[in-house]
Amino acid sequence: MEYHNAVLLKETVEGLNISEDGIYIDVTFGGGGHSKEILKRLGEKGKLFAFDQDQDALVNTIDDDRFTLINENFRYLKRFLRFYGVTEVDGILADFGVSSHQFDVAERGFSTRFEADLDMRMNQENEFSAYHVINEYDEEKLRKVFWQYGELRQAPLMARAIVEARRSEPIKTSKQFKEILKRFLQHKKENKVLAQIYQAIRIEVNQEIEALKEFLLQVPEVLKKGARLSIISYHSLEDRLVKRFIRNGLFEGEPERDVFGNFEVPLKKVGNLIVPTFQEIKENNRARSAKLRIAEKT
């Protein structure tokens, strides 16, 4: 079984417009597919730094003097690059979402397919897991998680059902959890709704939206002028943030304009939105919701 098939491999790496002697960052190393492709295009003086907070990803490290794997969350991008004496880079690649490995290992708790403990931690050293969200959040906080991160219309009823069920005993496993929510899982839409529920909890457990925002704010500070960002997102919450930040340099509101109505932004988009081909989706179904946006430091 492959650890993870890199999505939009050629398009994402080509979007970086790689210089042989440049310094590049892959902030979501995973199985190393994108990193290997970058290294193919680098010369002897080129450098590639990769980030991944998942201990399991360390087995995929690449034996190459030009490569360094940093076992940390990409939200700490600047901090750890400074540790290696790097302040500016020629390109950054990000492929968000859950790796195939994380989905396929039952005990990680990411997949709706398996019976497992409620976990969903991308960094296994963190103590906070899906168990804590489900058993310790109050009804209002659960409702917000399901509504904001899962866009679930029945979020209030789901939150209430969970709070009522856990009064008798803790909810420890995916089997218990699904049983509590089964009345919300219409037969034809069961898999879709379950995926939305799991997505919401996973995002909360791993602080994915906060990490994405922190990362994006650092990107213009780290990229050299004319350097590129290639970024793949998998759901609308991420993609909206990425799109707005590239367009406005902000996540909310509008940028300040001068007297002529003009405003400056740190990035400019390169080309149009890129999505996988029918053939790629056929070969790797997990690519179906991928959206690639490319931007350049102004």
Protein backbone atom coordinates (compact mmCIF):
# COMPACT_ATOMS: atom_id res chain seq x y z
CA MET A 1 0.00 0.00 0.00
CA GLU A 2 1.32 3.45 -0.93
CA TYR A 3 1.79 5.81 2.03
CA HIS A 4 0.25 8.64 0.02
CA ASN A 5 -0.17 9.45 -3.66
CA ALA A 6 0.83 13.07 -4.27
CA VAL A 7 -2.08 15.02 -5.79
CA LEU A 8 -1.56 17.33 -8.80
CA LEU A 9 2.13 16.45 -8.60
CA LYS A 10 3.31 17.92 -11.90
CA GLU A 11 1.11 21.01 -11.76
CA THR A 12 1.98 21.89 -8.17
CA VAL A 13 5.76 21.56 -8.60
CA GLU A 14 5.79 23.31 -11.98
CA GLY A 15 3.84 26.16 -10.35
CA LEU A 16 6.91 26.88 -8.20
CA ASN A 17 8.94 27.82 -11.30
CA ILE A 18 11.98 26.14 -9.73
CA SER A 19 15.47 27.59 -9.94
CA GLU A 20 18.22 24.93 -9.70
CA ASP A 21 20.08 26.74 -6.93
CA GLY A 22 17.00 27.86 -5.01
CA ILE A 23 15.74 27.11 -1.50
CA TYR A 24 12.29 25.50 -1.34
CA ILE A 25 9.89 24.42 1.37
CA ASP A 26 7.38 21.55 1.33
CA VAL A 27 5.28 22.23 4.43
CA THR A 28 3.23 19.02 4.14
CA PHE A 29 5.79 16.28 3.50
CA GLY A 30 3.61 13.16 4.04
CA GLY A 31 4.80 10.42 1.71
CA GLY A 32 7.38 12.71 0.14
CA GLY A 33 5.97 12.68 -3.39
CA HIS A 34 6.11 16.43 -3.94
CA SER A 35 9.49 16.70 -2.22
CA LYS A 36 11.04 14.04 -4.46
CA GLU A 37 9.80 15.87 -7.54
CA ILE A 38 11.27 19.16 -6.30
CA LEU A 39 14.63 17.49 -5.62
CA LYS A 40 14.69 16.14 -9.19
CA ARG A 41 14.64 19.73 -10.42
CA LEU A 42 17.24 21.14 -8.02
CA GLY A 43 20.97 21.35 -8.73
CA GLU A 44 23.78 20.50 -6.33
CA LYS A 45 23.48 23.86 -4.55
CA GLY A 46 19.70 23.73 -4.19
CA LYS A 47 18.06 23.10 -0.82
CA LEU A 48 14.72 21.64 0.24
CA PHE A 49 13.25 21.83 3.74
CA ALA A 50 10.11 19.85 4.55
CA PHE A 51 7.71 19.99 7.51
CA ASP A 52 5.45 17.27 8.90
CA GLN A 53 4.11 17.00 12.44
CA ASP A 54 3.11 13.34 12.06
CA GLN A 55 5.68 10.92 13.49
CA ASP A 56 4.61 8.29 10.95
CA ALA A 57 5.83 10.50 8.08
CA LEU A 58 9.41 10.34 9.35
CA VAL A 59 9.83 6.86 7.85
CA ASN A 60 9.60 8.49 4.41
CA THR A 61 12.57 10.80 4.91
CA ILE A 62 14.79 11.22 1.83
CA ASP A 63 18.50 10.39 1.94
CA ASP A 64 19.81 13.46 0.16
CA ASP A 65 22.28 16.08 1.43
CA ARG A 66 20.08 18.80 -0.05
CA PHE A 67 17.08 17.70 2.04
CA THR A 68 16.07 18.41 5.65
CA LEU A 69 12.87 17.07 7.27
CA ILE A 70 11.53 19.06 10.22
CA ASN A 71 9.12 17.18 12.50
CA GLU A 72 6.91 20.18 13.31
CA ASN A 73 3.65 21.87 12.33
CA PHE A 74 3.95 24.30 9.42
CA ARG A 75 2.37 27.01 11.60
CA TYR A 76 5.90 27.41 13.06
CA LEU A 77 7.44 27.99 9.62
CA LYS A 78 9.55 31.08 10.35
CA ARG A 79 10.73 29.84 13.75
CA PHE A 80 12.23 26.62 12.43
CA LEU A 81 13.62 28.10 9.23
CA ARG A 82 15.52 30.63 11.37
CA PHE A 83 16.95 27.71 13.35
CA TYR A 84 18.53 26.52 10.08
CA GLY A 85 19.68 30.03 9.18
CA VAL A 86 17.06 30.54 6.49
CA THR A 87 15.14 33.83 6.28
CA GLU A 88 14.03 33.88 2.63
CA VAL A 89 13.09 31.12 0.19
CA ASP A 90 12.38 30.75 -3.52
CA GLY A 91 9.13 28.79 -3.20
CA ILE A 92 6.70 27.12 -0.82
CA LEU A 93 4.49 24.10 -1.52
CA ALA A 94 1.52 23.10 0.65
CA ASP A 95 -0.84 20.14 0.16
CA PHE A 96 -3.39 20.30 2.97
CA GLY A 97 -5.76 17.59 4.10
CA VAL A 98 -5.30 14.09 5.48
CA SER A 99 -2.80 11.68 3.95
CA SER A 100 -3.89 8.31 2.59
CA HIS A 101 -1.82 6.68 5.32
CA GLN A 102 -3.73 8.52 8.05
CA PHE A 103 -7.04 7.46 6.52
CA ASP A 104 -5.98 3.85 6.02
CA VAL A 105 -4.55 3.13 9.48
CA ALA A 106 -7.66 2.28 11.49
CA GLU A 107 -6.33 3.17 14.93
CA ARG A 108 -5.65 6.78 13.89
CA GLY A 109 -9.43 7.30 13.87
CA PHE A 110 -9.59 9.52 10.76
CA SER A 111 -11.72 7.23 8.61
CA THR A 112 -15.45 6.57 8.89
CA ARG A 113 -14.80 3.04 7.58
CA PHE A 114 -13.22 1.57 10.68
CA GLU A 115 -14.10 0.82 14.27
CA ALA A 116 -11.56 2.75 16.33
CA ASP A 117 -11.03 4.94 19.36
CA LEU A 118 -11.93 8.60 18.88
CA ASP A 119 -8.51 10.05 18.06
CA MET A 120 -7.85 12.06 14.83
CA ARG A 121 -4.59 13.62 16.05
CA MET A 122 -2.19 14.53 13.25
CA ASN A 123 0.52 15.03 15.87
CA GLN A 124 0.38 11.90 18.01
CA GLU A 125 2.32 13.62 20.79
CA ASN A 126 -0.58 15.98 21.46
CA GLU A 127 -2.83 14.88 24.30
CA PHE A 128 -5.96 16.57 22.93
CA SER A 129 -7.97 14.23 20.69
CA ALA A 130 -11.44 13.69 19.23
CA TYR A 131 -12.37 12.03 22.53
CA HIS A 132 -11.96 15.35 24.33
CA VAL A 133 -14.06 17.26 21.79
CA ILE A 134 -16.92 14.76 21.95
CA ASN A 135 -16.88 14.25 25.72
CA GLU A 136 -15.84 17.62 27.11
CA TYR A 137 -17.21 20.36 24.84
CA ASP A 138 -20.51 21.83 25.98
CA GLU A 139 -23.54 21.78 23.68
CA GLU A 140 -22.99 25.27 22.27
CA LYS A 141 -19.32 24.63 21.51
CA LEU A 142 -20.14 21.33 19.78
CA ARG A 143 -22.81 23.07 17.72
CA LYS A 144 -20.30 25.67 16.55
CA VAL A 145 -17.77 23.00 15.57
CA PHE A 146 -20.33 21.08 13.49
CA TRP A 147 -21.74 24.23 11.92
CA GLN A 148 -18.52 26.10 11.17
CA TYR A 149 -16.28 23.21 10.15
CA GLY A 150 -18.80 20.67 8.85
CA GLU A 151 -21.46 23.07 7.52
CA LEU A 152 -24.06 20.70 8.96
CA ARG A 153 -27.62 22.04 9.05
CA GLN A 154 -28.55 19.71 11.89
CA ALA A 155 -25.62 20.84 14.03
CA PRO A 156 -27.81 21.92 17.03
CA LEU A 157 -29.64 18.59 17.16
CA MET A 158 -26.44 16.60 16.76
CA ALA A 159 -24.76 18.50 19.58
CA ARG A 160 -27.74 17.90 21.86
CA ALA A 161 -27.82 14.17 21.06
CA ILE A 162 -24.12 13.83 21.96
CA VAL A 163 -24.47 15.72 25.25
CA GLU A 164 -27.49 13.62 26.25
CA ALA A 165 -25.80 10.32 25.33
CA ARG A 166 -22.59 10.97 27.24
CA ARG A 167 -24.48 11.58 30.50
CA SER A 168 -24.79 7.81 30.93
CA GLU A 169 -21.25 6.86 29.80
CA PRO A 170 -18.26 8.37 27.97
CA ILE A 171 -18.25 8.09 24.18
CA LYS A 172 -14.98 6.31 23.42
CA THR A 173 -15.28 4.64 20.02
CA SER A 174 -16.44 5.42 16.51
CA LYS A 175 -19.05 2.67 16.83
CA GLN A 176 -20.64 4.36 19.85
CA PHE A 177 -20.43 7.73 18.15
CA LYS A 178 -22.13 6.58 14.94
CA GLU A 179 -24.87 4.84 16.92
CA ILE A 180 -25.69 8.09 18.72
CA LEU A 181 -25.91 10.01 15.45
CA LYS A 182 -27.54 7.32 13.30
CA ARG A 183 -30.90 9.12 13.14
CA PHE A 184 -29.18 11.99 11.32
CA LEU A 185 -27.64 9.69 8.73
CA GLN A 186 -30.16 9.33 5.93
CA HIS A 187 -29.46 6.18 3.96
CA LYS A 188 -28.58 7.86 0.66
CA LYS A 189 -26.44 10.55 2.28
CA GLU A 190 -24.96 8.58 5.16
CA ASN A 191 -21.35 8.62 3.92
CA LYS A 192 -21.45 12.30 2.99
CA VAL A 193 -22.87 13.42 6.35
CA LEU A 194 -20.46 11.20 8.29
CA ALA A 195 -17.56 12.65 6.33
CA GLN A 196 -18.73 16.18 7.21
CA ILE A 197 -19.01 15.25 10.90
CA TYR A 198 -15.53 13.69 10.95
CA GLN A 199 -14.10 16.63 9.05
CA ALA A 200 -15.49 19.08 11.60
CA ILE A 201 -14.04 17.18 14.56
CA ARG A 202 -10.68 16.65 12.84
CA ILE A 203 -10.35 20.36 12.05
CA GLU A 204 -11.10 21.23 15.68
CA VAL A 205 -8.71 18.63 17.12
CA ASN A 206 -5.81 19.78 14.97
CA GLN A 207 -6.62 23.50 14.92
CA GLU A 208 -6.38 23.33 11.16
CA ILE A 209 -7.98 26.67 10.36
CA GLU A 210 -5.87 28.54 12.92
CA ALA A 211 -2.72 26.80 11.63
CA LEU A 212 -3.59 27.69 8.03
CA LYS A 213 -4.08 31.36 8.90
CA GLU A 214 -0.82 31.52 10.86
CA PHE A 215 1.00 29.87 7.96
CA LEU A 216 -0.43 32.17 5.30
CA LEU A 217 0.48 35.29 7.28
CA GLN A 218 4.12 34.12 7.34
CA VAL A 219 4.29 33.30 3.62
CA PRO A 220 4.88 36.87 2.33
CA GLU A 221 7.57 37.38 4.98
CA VAL A 222 9.44 34.23 3.96
CA LEU A 223 9.13 34.37 0.17
CA LYS A 224 11.63 36.39 -1.86
CA LYS A 225 10.23 38.89 -4.34
CA GLY A 226 9.02 36.96 -7.38
CA ALA A 227 9.03 33.64 -5.46
CA ARG A 228 6.03 31.32 -5.72
CA LEU A 229 3.46 29.64 -3.46
CA SER A 230 1.72 26.45 -4.71
CA ILE A 231 -1.12 25.51 -2.38
CA ILE A 232 -3.66 22.67 -2.56
CA SER A 233 -6.82 22.71 -0.43
CA TYR A 234 -9.58 20.12 -0.19
CA HIS A 235 -12.61 21.81 1.29
CA SER A 236 -14.32 25.16 0.89
CA LEU A 237 -13.29 26.49 4.32
CA GLU A 238 -9.60 26.26 3.44
CA ASP A 239 -9.99 27.32 -0.17
CA ARG A 240 -11.96 30.47 0.73
CA LEU A 241 -9.22 31.55 3.14
CA VAL A 242 -6.50 30.89 0.57
CA LYS A 243 -8.37 32.67 -2.21
CA ARG A 244 -9.13 35.73 -0.07
CA PHE A 245 -5.57 35.98 1.25
CA ILE A 246 -4.08 35.84 -2.25
CA ARG A 247 -6.57 38.44 -3.48
CA ASN A 248 -6.65 40.86 -0.52
CA GLY A 249 -3.89 39.88 1.88
CA LEU A 250 -6.65 39.53 4.49
CA PHE A 251 -9.03 36.83 5.74
CA GLU A 252 -11.92 39.21 6.45
CA GLY A 253 -12.98 42.67 5.36
CA GLU A 254 -11.39 44.77 2.65
CA PRO A 255 -7.86 46.22 2.42
CA GLU A 256 -7.23 49.94 2.89
CA ARG A 257 -7.23 51.85 -0.40
CA ASP A 258 -5.44 55.04 -1.34
CA VAL A 259 -7.22 58.14 -2.66
CA PHE A 260 -7.29 56.59 -6.12
CA GLY A 261 -8.96 53.41 -4.88
CA ASN A 262 -5.83 51.26 -5.25
CA PHE A 263 -4.44 48.89 -2.63
CA GLU A 264 -1.30 46.83 -2.25
CA VAL A 265 -1.30 43.09 -1.58
CA PRO A 266 1.70 40.89 -0.76
CA LEU A 267 0.81 38.21 -3.31
CA LYS A 268 -0.66 38.07 -6.79
CA LYS A 269 -2.33 35.06 -8.33
CA VAL A 270 -0.62 33.18 -11.14
CA GLY A 271 -2.95 31.58 -13.68
CA ASN A 272 -6.35 30.16 -12.85
CA LEU A 273 -7.62 27.60 -10.37
CA ILE A 274 -6.30 24.12 -11.23
CA VAL A 275 -8.22 20.91 -10.46
CA PRO A 276 -7.33 17.26 -11.13
CA THR A 277 -8.12 15.70 -14.49
CA PHE A 278 -10.74 12.99 -14.82
CA GLN A 279 -7.91 10.47 -15.27
CA GLU A 280 -6.16 11.50 -12.02
CA ILE A 281 -9.43 11.25 -10.07
CA LYS A 282 -10.03 7.82 -11.62
CA GLU A 283 -6.58 6.67 -10.46
CA ASN A 284 -6.74 8.40 -7.05
CA ASN A 285 -10.27 9.10 -5.83
CA ARG A 286 -8.98 11.19 -2.92
CA ALA A 287 -7.88 13.83 -5.45
CA ARG A 288 -11.48 14.60 -6.43
CA SER A 289 -11.93 17.69 -4.25
CA ALA A 290 -8.40 19.12 -4.65
CA LYS A 291 -7.99 22.75 -5.71
CA LEU A 292 -4.60 24.18 -6.58
CA ARG A 293 -3.90 27.92 -6.43
CA ILE A 294 -0.57 29.46 -7.34
CA ALA A 295 0.60 32.90 -6.22
CA GLU A 296 3.72 35.03 -6.50
CA LYS A 297 5.31 37.48 -4.04
CA THR A 298 4.90 41.01 -5.38
